Amino acid sequence: MAYVRKKSKGHGRNSRIEGNMAAGDRVLLVEDLATDGGSKISFAEA
């Protein structure tokens, strides 16, 4: 498991991803709910 920040911290590695995630990994994105899908798109892009 990893998690995705809404935006980068602005310091350190400046990454939105916390945890190990490698190129080619097939990721299932989990949230509590979906309305218009906007947050899913942002997280998927990260």
PDB file of all heavy atoms in Angstrom:
ATOM      1  N   MET A   1       0.831  -1.193   0.000  1.00  0.00           N
ATOM      2  CA  MET A   1       0.000   0.000   0.000  1.00  0.00           C
ATOM      3  C   MET A   1       0.871   1.249   0.000  1.00  0.00           C
ATOM      4  O   MET A   1       1.963   1.266   0.564  1.00  0.00           O
ATOM      5  CB  MET A   1      -0.905  -0.008   1.234  1.00  0.00           C
ATOM      6  CG  MET A   1      -1.850   1.179   1.342  1.00  0.00           C
ATOM      7  SD  MET A   1      -1.676   1.951   2.962  1.00  0.00           S
ATOM      8  CE  MET A   1      -2.585   3.473   2.710  1.00  0.00           C
ATOM      9  N   ALA A   2       0.382   2.278  -0.677  1.00  0.00           N
ATOM     10  CA  ALA A   2       0.984   3.607  -0.652  1.00  0.00           C
ATOM     11  C   ALA A   2      -0.155   4.606  -0.537  1.00  0.00           C
ATOM     12  O   ALA A   2      -1.325   4.220  -0.505  1.00  0.00           O
ATOM     13  CB  ALA A   2       1.798   3.854  -1.924  1.00  0.00           C
ATOM     14  N   TYR A   3       0.190   5.894  -0.452  1.00  0.00           N
ATOM     15  CA  TYR A   3      -0.876   6.880  -0.550  1.00  0.00           C
ATOM     16  C   TYR A   3      -0.428   8.071  -1.375  1.00  0.00           C
ATOM     17  O   TYR A   3       0.772   8.290  -1.582  1.00  0.00           O
ATOM     18  CB  TYR A   3      -1.424   7.285   0.818  1.00  0.00           C
ATOM     19  CG  TYR A   3      -0.571   8.157   1.701  1.00  0.00           C
ATOM     20  CD1 TYR A   3      -0.603   9.545   1.591  1.00  0.00           C
ATOM     21  CD2 TYR A   3       0.225   7.593   2.690  1.00  0.00           C
ATOM     22  CE1 TYR A   3       0.147  10.354   2.442  1.00  0.00           C
ATOM     23  CE2 TYR A   3       0.977   8.387   3.544  1.00  0.00           C
ATOM     24  CZ  TYR A   3       0.936   9.763   3.417  1.00  0.00           C
ATOM     25  OH  TYR A   3       1.684  10.548   4.260  1.00  0.00           O
ATOM     26  N   VAL A   4      -1.414   8.817  -1.875  1.00  0.00           N
ATOM     27  CA  VAL A   4      -1.161   9.933  -2.787  1.00  0.00           C
ATOM     28  C   VAL A   4      -1.604  11.227  -2.112  1.00  0.00           C
ATOM     29  O   VAL A   4      -2.745  11.336  -1.653  1.00  0.00           O
ATOM     30  CB  VAL A   4      -1.936   9.758  -4.109  1.00  0.00           C
ATOM     31  CG1 VAL A   4      -1.436  10.779  -5.137  1.00  0.00           C
ATOM     32  CG2 VAL A   4      -1.818   8.341  -4.646  1.00  0.00           C
ATOM     33  N   ARG A   5      -0.704  12.185  -2.058  1.00  0.00           N
ATOM     34  CA  ARG A   5      -1.045  13.491  -1.499  1.00  0.00           C
ATOM     35  C   ARG A   5      -1.862  14.305  -2.501  1.00  0.00           C
ATOM     36  O   ARG A   5      -1.730  14.156  -3.714  1.00  0.00           O
ATOM     37  CB  ARG A   5       0.224  14.264  -1.140  1.00  0.00           C
ATOM     38  CG  ARG A   5       1.008  13.664   0.003  1.00  0.00           C
ATOM     39  CD  ARG A   5       2.204  14.550   0.348  1.00  0.00           C
ATOM     40  NE  ARG A   5       2.946  14.004   1.484  1.00  0.00           N
ATOM     41  CZ  ARG A   5       2.633  14.201   2.755  1.00  0.00           C
ATOM     42  NH1 ARG A   5       1.573  14.945   3.049  1.00  0.00           N
ATOM     43  NH2 ARG A   5       3.349  13.670   3.725  1.00  0.00           N
ATOM     44  N   LYS A   6      -2.688  15.218  -1.961  1.00  0.00           N
ATOM     45  CA  LYS A   6      -3.438  16.121  -2.831  1.00  0.00           C
ATOM     46  C   LYS A   6      -2.512  17.064  -3.568  1.00  0.00           C
ATOM     47  O   LYS A   6      -2.766  17.445  -4.716  1.00  0.00           O
ATOM     48  CB  LYS A   6      -4.448  16.919  -1.999  1.00  0.00           C
ATOM     49  CG  LYS A   6      -5.558  16.056  -1.417  1.00  0.00           C
ATOM     50  CD  LYS A   6      -6.489  16.884  -0.547  1.00  0.00           C
ATOM     51  CE  LYS A   6      -7.566  15.999   0.070  1.00  0.00           C
ATOM     52  NZ  LYS A   6      -8.462  16.766   0.988  1.00  0.00           N
ATOM     53  N   LYS A   7      -1.422  17.446  -2.923  1.00  0.00           N
ATOM     54  CA  LYS A   7      -0.385  18.257  -3.559  1.00  0.00           C
ATOM     55  C   LYS A   7       0.936  17.955  -2.876  1.00  0.00           C
ATOM     56  O   LYS A   7       0.969  17.429  -1.745  1.00  0.00           O
ATOM     57  CB  LYS A   7      -0.718  19.746  -3.480  1.00  0.00           C
ATOM     58  CG  LYS A   7      -0.888  20.281  -2.070  1.00  0.00           C
ATOM     59  CD  LYS A   7      -1.274  21.751  -2.114  1.00  0.00           C
ATOM     60  CE  LYS A   7      -1.450  22.306  -0.689  1.00  0.00           C
ATOM     61  NZ  LYS A   7      -1.823  23.744  -0.713  1.00  0.00           N
ATOM     62  N   SER A   8       2.030  18.256  -3.531  1.00  0.00           N
ATOM     63  CA  SER A   8       3.338  17.956  -2.961  1.00  0.00           C
ATOM     64  C   SER A   8       3.588  18.805  -1.719  1.00  0.00           C
ATOM     65  O   SER A   8       3.023  19.889  -1.558  1.00  0.00           O
ATOM     66  CB  SER A   8       4.441  18.205  -3.996  1.00  0.00           C
ATOM     67  OG  SER A   8       4.426  19.564  -4.406  1.00  0.00           O
ATOM     68  N   LYS A   9       4.455  18.312  -0.848  1.00  0.00           N
ATOM     69  CA  LYS A   9       4.731  18.992   0.414  1.00  0.00           C
ATOM     70  C   LYS A   9       5.490  20.300   0.219  1.00  0.00           C
ATOM     71  O   LYS A   9       5.453  21.171   1.083  1.00  0.00           O
ATOM     72  CB  LYS A   9       5.537  18.067   1.345  1.00  0.00           C
ATOM     73  CG  LYS A   9       4.777  16.848   1.821  1.00  0.00           C
ATOM     74  CD  LYS A   9       5.547  16.101   2.882  1.00  0.00           C
ATOM     75  CE  LYS A   9       6.804  15.468   2.319  1.00  0.00           C
ATOM     76  NZ  LYS A   9       7.498  14.649   3.340  1.00  0.00           N
ATOM     77  N   GLY A  10       6.196  20.429  -0.879  1.00  0.00           N
ATOM     78  CA  GLY A  10       6.963  21.649  -1.114  1.00  0.00           C
ATOM     79  C   GLY A  10       8.352  21.618  -0.507  1.00  0.00           C
ATOM     80  O   GLY A  10       9.078  22.602  -0.546  1.00  0.00           O
ATOM     81  N   HIS A  11       8.749  20.462   0.067  1.00  0.00           N
ATOM     82  CA  HIS A  11      10.094  20.318   0.607  1.00  0.00           C
ATOM     83  C   HIS A  11      10.469  18.848   0.579  1.00  0.00           C
ATOM     84  O   HIS A  11       9.649  17.997   0.224  1.00  0.00           O
ATOM     85  CB  HIS A  11      10.185  20.869   2.037  1.00  0.00           C
ATOM     86  CG  HIS A  11       9.272  20.175   3.005  1.00  0.00           C
ATOM     87  ND1 HIS A  11       7.966  20.541   3.198  1.00  0.00           N
ATOM     88  CD2 HIS A  11       9.489  19.124   3.839  1.00  0.00           C
ATOM     89  CE1 HIS A  11       7.395  19.762   4.110  1.00  0.00           C
ATOM     90  NE2 HIS A  11       8.313  18.893   4.510  1.00  0.00           N
ATOM     91  N   GLY A  12      11.705  18.527   0.934  1.00  0.00           N
ATOM     92  CA  GLY A  12      12.163  17.142   0.879  1.00  0.00           C
ATOM     93  C   GLY A  12      12.173  16.647  -0.560  1.00  0.00           C
ATOM     94  O   GLY A  12      12.644  17.321  -1.478  1.00  0.00           O
ATOM     95  N   ARG A  13      11.603  15.458  -0.786  1.00  0.00           N
ATOM     96  CA  ARG A  13      11.561  14.890  -2.141  1.00  0.00           C
ATOM     97  C   ARG A  13      10.520  15.574  -3.011  1.00  0.00           C
ATOM     98  O   ARG A  13      10.473  15.371  -4.217  1.00  0.00           O
ATOM     99  CB  ARG A  13      11.253  13.387  -2.054  1.00  0.00           C
ATOM    100  CG  ARG A  13      12.336  12.557  -1.407  1.00  0.00           C
ATOM    101  CD  ARG A  13      12.000  11.073  -1.452  1.00  0.00           C
ATOM    102  NE  ARG A  13      10.756  10.779  -0.749  1.00  0.00           N
ATOM    103  CZ  ARG A  13       9.641  10.340  -1.333  1.00  0.00           C
ATOM    104  NH1 ARG A  13       9.596  10.184  -2.641  1.00  0.00           N
ATOM    105  NH2 ARG A  13       8.566  10.071  -0.624  1.00  0.00           N
ATOM    106  N   ASN A  14       9.637  16.354  -2.386  1.00  0.00           N
ATOM    107  CA  ASN A  14       8.602  17.091  -3.125  1.00  0.00           C
ATOM    108  C   ASN A  14       7.705  16.156  -3.934  1.00  0.00           C
ATOM    109  O   ASN A  14       7.221  16.505  -5.010  1.00  0.00           O
ATOM    110  CB  ASN A  14       9.247  18.139  -4.044  1.00  0.00           C
ATOM    111  CG  ASN A  14       8.292  19.294  -4.322  1.00  0.00           C
ATOM    112  OD1 ASN A  14       7.511  19.695  -3.459  1.00  0.00           O
ATOM    113  ND2 ASN A  14       8.337  19.812  -5.537  1.00  0.00           N
ATOM    114  N   SER A  15       7.493  14.959  -3.401  1.00  0.00           N
ATOM    115  CA  SER A  15       6.701  13.953  -4.106  1.00  0.00           C
ATOM    116  C   SER A  15       5.280  13.911  -3.571  1.00  0.00           C
ATOM    117  O   SER A  15       5.042  14.188  -2.389  1.00  0.00           O
ATOM    118  CB  SER A  15       7.330  12.566  -3.932  1.00  0.00           C
ATOM    119  OG  SER A  15       6.508  11.558  -4.475  1.00  0.00           O
ATOM    120  N   ARG A  16       4.356  13.559  -4.428  1.00  0.00           N
ATOM    121  CA  ARG A  16       2.972  13.359  -3.981  1.00  0.00           C
ATOM    122  C   ARG A  16       2.721  11.920  -3.545  1.00  0.00           C
ATOM    123  O   ARG A  16       1.668  11.626  -2.985  1.00  0.00           O
ATOM    124  CB  ARG A  16       1.997  13.737  -5.100  1.00  0.00           C
ATOM    125  CG  ARG A  16       1.942  15.236  -5.379  1.00  0.00           C
ATOM    126  CD  ARG A  16       0.959  15.546  -6.487  1.00  0.00           C
ATOM    127  NE  ARG A  16      -0.403  15.181  -6.122  1.00  0.00           N
ATOM    128  CZ  ARG A  16      -1.421  15.183  -6.991  1.00  0.00           C
ATOM    129  NH1 ARG A  16      -1.225  15.513  -8.253  1.00  0.00           N
ATOM    130  NH2 ARG A  16      -2.632  14.838  -6.575  1.00  0.00           N
ATOM    131  N   ILE A  17       3.646  11.031  -3.812  1.00  0.00           N
ATOM    132  CA  ILE A  17       3.486   9.616  -3.484  1.00  0.00           C
ATOM    133  C   ILE A  17       4.275   9.284  -2.222  1.00  0.00           C
ATOM    134  O   ILE A  17       5.468   9.576  -2.125  1.00  0.00           O
ATOM    135  CB  ILE A  17       3.979   8.710  -4.628  1.00  0.00           C
ATOM    136  CG1 ILE A  17       3.308   9.093  -5.955  1.00  0.00           C
ATOM    137  CG2 ILE A  17       3.720   7.242  -4.297  1.00  0.00           C
ATOM    138  CD1 ILE A  17       1.813   8.927  -5.987  1.00  0.00           C
ATOM    139  N   GLU A  18       3.604   8.667  -1.253  1.00  0.00           N
ATOM    140  CA  GLU A  18       4.261   8.186  -0.042  1.00  0.00           C
ATOM    141  C   GLU A  18       4.181   6.663  -0.028  1.00  0.00           C
ATOM    142  O   GLU A  18       3.089   6.095  -0.122  1.00  0.00           O
ATOM    143  CB  GLU A  18       3.604   8.768   1.209  1.00  0.00           C
ATOM    144  CG  GLU A  18       3.662  10.300   1.293  1.00  0.00           C
ATOM    145  CD  GLU A  18       5.064  10.833   1.499  1.00  0.00           C
ATOM    146  OE1 GLU A  18       5.990  10.050   1.773  1.00  0.00           O
ATOM    147  OE2 GLU A  18       5.238  12.066   1.375  1.00  0.00           O
ATOM    148  N   GLY A  19       5.347   6.009   0.096  1.00  0.00           N
ATOM    149  CA  GLY A  19       5.404   4.566  -0.004  1.00  0.00           C
ATOM    150  C   GLY A  19       6.160   4.171  -1.262  1.00  0.00           C
ATOM    151  O   GLY A  19       6.580   5.027  -2.050  1.00  0.00           O
ATOM    152  N   ASN A  20       6.328   2.879  -1.469  1.00  0.00           N
ATOM    153  CA  ASN A  20       7.078   2.400  -2.624  1.00  0.00           C
ATOM    154  C   ASN A  20       6.156   2.184  -3.813  1.00  0.00           C
ATOM    155  O   ASN A  20       5.175   1.442  -3.722  1.00  0.00           O
ATOM    156  CB  ASN A  20       7.794   1.092  -2.289  1.00  0.00           C
ATOM    157  CG  ASN A  20       8.872   1.277  -1.234  1.00  0.00           C
ATOM    158  OD1 ASN A  20       9.548   2.303  -1.218  1.00  0.00           O
ATOM    159  ND2 ASN A  20       9.025   0.295  -0.361  1.00  0.00           N
ATOM    160  N   MET A  21       6.465   2.838  -4.920  1.00  0.00           N
ATOM    161  CA  MET A  21       5.705   2.668  -6.161  1.00  0.00           C
ATOM    162  C   MET A  21       6.703   2.724  -7.306  1.00  0.00           C
ATOM    163  O   MET A  21       7.468   3.690  -7.416  1.00  0.00           O
ATOM    164  CB  MET A  21       4.650   3.753  -6.315  1.00  0.00           C
ATOM    165  CG  MET A  21       3.684   3.525  -7.466  1.00  0.00           C
ATOM    166  SD  MET A  21       2.400   4.820  -7.535  1.00  0.00           S
ATOM    167  CE  MET A  21       1.461   4.446  -6.040  1.00  0.00           C
ATOM    168  N   ALA A  22       6.713   1.689  -8.148  1.00  0.00           N
ATOM    169  CA  ALA A  22       7.711   1.590  -9.200  1.00  0.00           C
ATOM    170  C   ALA A  22       7.077   1.691 -10.583  1.00  0.00           C
ATOM    171  O   ALA A  22       5.881   1.449 -10.761  1.00  0.00           O
ATOM    172  CB  ALA A  22       8.458   0.262  -9.076  1.00  0.00           C
ATOM    173  N   ALA A  23       7.894   2.060 -11.565  1.00  0.00           N
ATOM    174  CA  ALA A  23       7.437   2.117 -12.950  1.00  0.00           C
ATOM    175  C   ALA A  23       6.874   0.757 -13.351  1.00  0.00           C
ATOM    176  O   ALA A  23       7.461  -0.286 -13.058  1.00  0.00           O
ATOM    177  CB  ALA A  23       8.593   2.502 -13.872  1.00  0.00           C
ATOM    178  N   GLY A  24       5.707   0.790 -13.968  1.00  0.00           N
ATOM    179  CA  GLY A  24       5.072  -0.447 -14.414  1.00  0.00           C
ATOM    180  C   GLY A  24       4.112  -1.059 -13.420  1.00  0.00           C
ATOM    181  O   GLY A  24       3.331  -1.953 -13.779  1.00  0.00           O
ATOM    182  N   ASP A  25       4.161  -0.614 -12.159  1.00  0.00           N
ATOM    183  CA  ASP A  25       3.215  -1.137 -11.162  1.00  0.00           C
ATOM    184  C   ASP A  25       1.779  -0.829 -11.581  1.00  0.00           C
ATOM    185  O   ASP A  25       1.476   0.282 -12.021  1.00  0.00           O
ATOM    186  CB  ASP A  25       3.470  -0.500  -9.789  1.00  0.00           C
ATOM    187  CG  ASP A  25       4.600  -1.143  -9.035  1.00  0.00           C
ATOM    188  OD1 ASP A  25       5.091  -2.199  -9.468  1.00  0.00           O
ATOM    189  OD2 ASP A  25       5.015  -0.581  -7.996  1.00  0.00           O
ATOM    190  N   ARG A  26       0.915  -1.815 -11.408  1.00  0.00           N
ATOM    191  CA  ARG A  26      -0.514  -1.631 -11.692  1.00  0.00           C
ATOM    192  C   ARG A  26      -1.193  -1.245 -10.385  1.00  0.00           C
ATOM    193  O   ARG A  26      -1.235  -2.023  -9.440  1.00  0.00           O
ATOM    194  CB  ARG A  26      -1.110  -2.917 -12.258  1.00  0.00           C
ATOM    195  CG  ARG A  26      -0.451  -3.384 -13.553  1.00  0.00           C
ATOM    196  CD  ARG A  26      -0.815  -4.816 -13.868  1.00  0.00           C
ATOM    197  NE  ARG A  26      -0.382  -5.713 -12.795  1.00  0.00           N
ATOM    198  CZ  ARG A  26      -0.775  -6.997 -12.693  1.00  0.00           C
ATOM    199  NH1 ARG A  26      -1.612  -7.511 -13.583  1.00  0.00           N
ATOM    200  NH2 ARG A  26      -0.349  -7.743 -11.695  1.00  0.00           N
ATOM    201  N   VAL A  27      -1.740  -0.026 -10.353  1.00  0.00           N
ATOM    202  CA  VAL A  27      -2.202   0.567  -9.097  1.00  0.00           C
ATOM    203  C   VAL A  27      -3.724   0.639  -9.047  1.00  0.00           C
ATOM    204  O   VAL A  27      -4.368   1.106  -9.993  1.00  0.00           O
ATOM    205  CB  VAL A  27      -1.619   1.988  -8.924  1.00  0.00           C
ATOM    206  CG1 VAL A  27      -2.068   2.590  -7.597  1.00  0.00           C
ATOM    207  CG2 VAL A  27      -0.095   1.962  -9.010  1.00  0.00           C
ATOM    208  N   LEU A  28      -4.273   0.190  -7.928  1.00  0.00           N
ATOM    209  CA  LEU A  28      -5.693   0.394  -7.626  1.00  0.00           C
ATOM    210  C   LEU A  28      -5.793   1.609  -6.723  1.00  0.00           C
ATOM    211  O   LEU A  28      -5.256   1.615  -5.609  1.00  0.00           O
ATOM    212  CB  LEU A  28      -6.289  -0.824  -6.921  1.00  0.00           C
ATOM    213  CG  LEU A  28      -7.723  -0.643  -6.385  1.00  0.00           C
ATOM    214  CD1 LEU A  28      -8.716  -0.418  -7.516  1.00  0.00           C
ATOM    215  CD2 LEU A  28      -8.133  -1.823  -5.515  1.00  0.00           C
ATOM    216  N   LEU A  29      -6.471   2.670  -7.183  1.00  0.00           N
ATOM    217  CA  LEU A  29      -6.670   3.876  -6.395  1.00  0.00           C
ATOM    218  C   LEU A  29      -7.936   3.734  -5.554  1.00  0.00           C
ATOM    219  O   LEU A  29      -9.006   3.438  -6.095  1.00  0.00           O
ATOM    220  CB  LEU A  29      -6.791   5.083  -7.323  1.00  0.00           C
ATOM    221  CG  LEU A  29      -7.196   6.410  -6.679  1.00  0.00           C
ATOM    222  CD1 LEU A  29      -6.143   6.880  -5.686  1.00  0.00           C
ATOM    223  CD2 LEU A  29      -7.452   7.465  -7.742  1.00  0.00           C
ATOM    224  N   VAL A  30      -7.832   3.940  -4.260  1.00  0.00           N
ATOM    225  CA  VAL A  30      -8.961   3.800  -3.343  1.00  0.00           C
ATOM    226  C   VAL A  30      -9.264   5.139  -2.674  1.00  0.00           C
ATOM    227  O   VAL A  30      -8.356   5.801  -2.163  1.00  0.00           O
ATOM    228  CB  VAL A  30      -8.685   2.726  -2.265  1.00  0.00           C
ATOM    229  CG1 VAL A  30      -9.803   2.692  -1.228  1.00  0.00           C
ATOM    230  CG2 VAL A  30      -8.532   1.350  -2.918  1.00  0.00           C
ATOM    231  N   GLU A  31     -10.528   5.520  -2.704  1.00  0.00           N
ATOM    232  CA  GLU A  31     -11.013   6.673  -1.938  1.00  0.00           C
ATOM    233  C   GLU A  31     -12.315   6.272  -1.254  1.00  0.00           C
ATOM    234  O   GLU A  31     -12.858   5.184  -1.486  1.00  0.00           O
ATOM    235  CB  GLU A  31     -11.221   7.883  -2.839  1.00  0.00           C
ATOM    236  CG  GLU A  31      -9.932   8.587  -3.226  1.00  0.00           C
ATOM    237  CD  GLU A  31     -10.204  10.018  -3.614  1.00  0.00           C
ATOM    238  OE1 GLU A  31     -10.502  10.273  -4.792  1.00  0.00           O
ATOM    239  OE2 GLU A  31     -10.128  10.876  -2.705  1.00  0.00           O
ATOM    240  N   ASP A  32     -12.841   7.179  -0.431  1.00  0.00           N
ATOM    241  CA  ASP A  32     -14.082   6.854   0.259  1.00  0.00           C
ATOM    242  C   ASP A  32     -15.291   7.017  -0.645  1.00  0.00           C
ATOM    243  O   ASP A  32     -16.215   6.215  -0.615  1.00  0.00           O
ATOM    244  CB  ASP A  32     -14.242   7.690   1.534  1.00  0.00           C
ATOM    245  CG  ASP A  32     -14.245   9.189   1.283  1.00  0.00           C
ATOM    246  OD1 ASP A  32     -13.683   9.648   0.258  1.00  0.00           O
ATOM    247  OD2 ASP A  32     -14.815   9.933   2.119  1.00  0.00           O
ATOM    248  N   LEU A  33     -15.288   8.078  -1.492  1.00  0.00           N
ATOM    249  CA  LEU A  33     -16.452   8.324  -2.343  1.00  0.00           C
ATOM    250  C   LEU A  33     -16.040   9.034  -3.621  1.00  0.00           C
ATOM    251  O   LEU A  33     -14.913   9.508  -3.765  1.00  0.00           O
ATOM    252  CB  LEU A  33     -17.505   9.137  -1.586  1.00  0.00           C
ATOM    253  CG  LEU A  33     -17.116  10.499  -1.006  1.00  0.00           C
ATOM    254  CD1 LEU A  33     -17.196  11.599  -2.048  1.00  0.00           C
ATOM    255  CD2 LEU A  33     -18.009  10.853   0.187  1.00  0.00           C
ATOM    256  N   ALA A  34     -16.992   9.115  -4.551  1.00  0.00           N
ATOM    257  CA  ALA A  34     -16.778   9.811  -5.818  1.00  0.00           C
ATOM    258  C   ALA A  34     -17.991  10.678  -6.118  1.00  0.00           C
ATOM    259  O   ALA A  34     -19.132  10.222  -5.977  1.00  0.00           O
ATOM    260  CB  ALA A  34     -16.555   8.814  -6.951  1.00  0.00           C
ATOM    261  N   THR A  35     -17.744  11.912  -6.520  1.00  0.00           N
ATOM    262  CA  THR A  35     -18.821  12.809  -6.943  1.00  0.00           C
ATOM    263  C   THR A  35     -18.700  13.047  -8.447  1.00  0.00           C
ATOM    264  O   THR A  35     -19.334  12.364  -9.239  1.00  0.00           O
ATOM    265  CB  THR A  35     -18.774  14.139  -6.168  1.00  0.00           C
ATOM    266  OG1 THR A  35     -17.447  14.696  -6.257  1.00  0.00           O
ATOM    267  CG2 THR A  35     -19.120  13.928  -4.717  1.00  0.00           C
ATOM    268  N   ASP A  36     -17.850  14.005  -8.843  1.00  0.00           N
ATOM    269  CA  ASP A  36     -17.679  14.288 -10.275  1.00  0.00           C
ATOM    270  C   ASP A  36     -16.412  13.665 -10.842  1.00  0.00           C
ATOM    271  O   ASP A  36     -16.134  13.805 -12.040  1.00  0.00           O
ATOM    272  CB  ASP A  36     -17.689  15.792 -10.536  1.00  0.00           C
ATOM    273  CG  ASP A  36     -16.520  16.513  -9.860  1.00  0.00           C
ATOM    274  OD1 ASP A  36     -15.707  15.854  -9.173  1.00  0.00           O
ATOM    275  OD2 ASP A  36     -16.426  17.738 -10.023  1.00  0.00           O
ATOM    276  N   GLY A  37     -15.633  12.983 -10.023  1.00  0.00           N
ATOM    277  CA  GLY A  37     -14.439  12.285 -10.500  1.00  0.00           C
ATOM    278  C   GLY A  37     -13.167  13.109 -10.521  1.00  0.00           C
ATOM    279  O   GLY A  37     -12.095  12.591 -10.864  1.00  0.00           O
ATOM    280  N   GLY A  38     -13.237  14.390 -10.149  1.00  0.00           N
ATOM    281  CA  GLY A  38     -12.077  15.257 -10.249  1.00  0.00           C
ATOM    282  C   GLY A  38     -10.872  14.803  -9.450  1.00  0.00           C
ATOM    283  O   GLY A  38      -9.740  14.815  -9.951  1.00  0.00           O
ATOM    284  N   SER A  39     -11.092  14.389  -8.204  1.00  0.00           N
ATOM    285  CA  SER A  39      -9.954  13.976  -7.374  1.00  0.00           C
ATOM    286  C   SER A  39      -9.334  12.686  -7.897  1.00  0.00           C
ATOM    287  O   SER A  39      -8.115  12.489  -7.798  1.00  0.00           O
ATOM    288  CB  SER A  39     -10.376  13.806  -5.911  1.00  0.00           C
ATOM    289  OG  SER A  39     -11.270  12.730  -5.757  1.00  0.00           O
ATOM    290  N   LYS A  40     -10.143  11.795  -8.463  1.00  0.00           N
ATOM    291  CA  LYS A  40      -9.610  10.540  -9.019  1.00  0.00           C
ATOM    292  C   LYS A  40      -8.639  10.843 -10.152  1.00  0.00           C
ATOM    293  O   LYS A  40      -7.577  10.213 -10.262  1.00  0.00           O
ATOM    294  CB  LYS A  40     -10.742   9.649  -9.553  1.00  0.00           C
ATOM    295  CG  LYS A  40     -11.926   9.469  -8.630  1.00  0.00           C
ATOM    296  CD  LYS A  40     -11.559   8.746  -7.363  1.00  0.00           C
ATOM    297  CE  LYS A  40     -12.717   8.761  -6.385  1.00  0.00           C
ATOM    298  NZ  LYS A  40     -13.031  10.090  -5.834  1.00  0.00           N
ATOM    299  N   ILE A  41      -9.004  11.801 -10.992  1.00  0.00           N
ATOM    300  CA  ILE A  41      -8.156  12.154 -12.125  1.00  0.00           C
ATOM    301  C   ILE A  41      -6.835  12.738 -11.638  1.00  0.00           C
ATOM    302  O   ILE A  41      -5.757  12.374 -12.113  1.00  0.00           O
ATOM    303  CB  ILE A  41      -8.897  13.138 -13.051  1.00  0.00           C
ATOM    304  CG1 ILE A  41     -10.102  12.430 -13.688  1.00  0.00           C
ATOM    305  CG2 ILE A  41      -7.969  13.685 -14.121  1.00  0.00           C
ATOM    306  CD1 ILE A  41     -11.091  13.364 -14.350  1.00  0.00           C
ATOM    307  N   SER A  42      -6.893  13.634 -10.650  1.00  0.00           N
ATOM    308  CA  SER A  42      -5.684  14.241 -10.108  1.00  0.00           C
ATOM    309  C   SER A  42      -4.773  13.200  -9.470  1.00  0.00           C
ATOM    310  O   SER A  42      -3.548  13.196  -9.707  1.00  0.00           O
ATOM    311  CB  SER A  42      -6.060  15.308  -9.073  1.00  0.00           C
ATOM    312  OG  SER A  42      -4.905  15.829  -8.443  1.00  0.00           O
ATOM    313  N   PHE A  43      -5.336  12.306  -8.672  1.00  0.00           N
ATOM    314  CA  PHE A  43      -4.533  11.272  -8.026  1.00  0.00           C
ATOM    315  C   PHE A  43      -3.938  10.326  -9.059  1.00  0.00           C
ATOM    316  O   PHE A  43      -2.779   9.918  -8.949  1.00  0.00           O
ATOM    317  CB  PHE A  43      -5.378  10.488  -7.022  1.00  0.00           C
ATOM    318  CG  PHE A  43      -5.697  11.242  -5.754  1.00  0.00           C
ATOM    319  CD1 PHE A  43      -6.960  11.181  -5.195  1.00  0.00           C
ATOM    320  CD2 PHE A  43      -4.743  11.996  -5.103  1.00  0.00           C
ATOM    321  CE1 PHE A  43      -7.270  11.853  -4.025  1.00  0.00           C
ATOM    322  CE2 PHE A  43      -5.026  12.686  -3.928  1.00  0.00           C
ATOM    323  CZ  PHE A  43      -6.299  12.608  -3.381  1.00  0.00           C
ATOM    324  N   ALA A  44      -4.725   9.940 -10.064  1.00  0.00           N
ATOM    325  CA  ALA A  44      -4.233   9.031 -11.106  1.00  0.00           C
ATOM    326  C   ALA A  44      -3.077   9.661 -11.878  1.00  0.00           C
ATOM    327  O   ALA A  44      -2.101   8.980 -12.219  1.00  0.00           O
ATOM    328  CB  ALA A  44      -5.361   8.648 -12.050  1.00  0.00           C
ATOM    329  N   GLU A  45      -3.166  10.953 -12.133  1.00  0.00           N
ATOM    330  CA  GLU A  45      -2.084  11.640 -12.836  1.00  0.00           C
ATOM    331  C   GLU A  45      -0.798  11.617 -12.017  1.00  0.00           C
ATOM    332  O   GLU A  45       0.293  11.406 -12.558  1.00  0.00           O
ATOM    333  CB  GLU A  45      -2.499  13.077 -13.146  1.00  0.00           C
ATOM    334  CG  GLU A  45      -3.543  13.174 -14.255  1.00  0.00           C
ATOM    335  CD  GLU A  45      -4.065  14.586 -14.460  1.00  0.00           C
ATOM    336  OE1 GLU A  45      -3.773  15.460 -13.603  1.00  0.00           O
ATOM    337  OE2 GLU A  45      -4.749  14.812 -15.468  1.00  0.00           O
ATOM    338  N   ALA A  46      -0.919  11.820 -10.695  1.00  0.00           N
ATOM    339  CA  ALA A  46       0.263  11.768  -9.823  1.00  0.00           C
ATOM    340  C   ALA A  46       0.871  10.368  -9.830  1.00  0.00           C
ATOM    341  O   ALA A  46       2.104  10.212  -9.849  1.00  0.00           O
ATOM    342  CB  ALA A  46      -0.110  12.173  -8.408  1.00  0.00           C
TER     343      ALA A  46
END
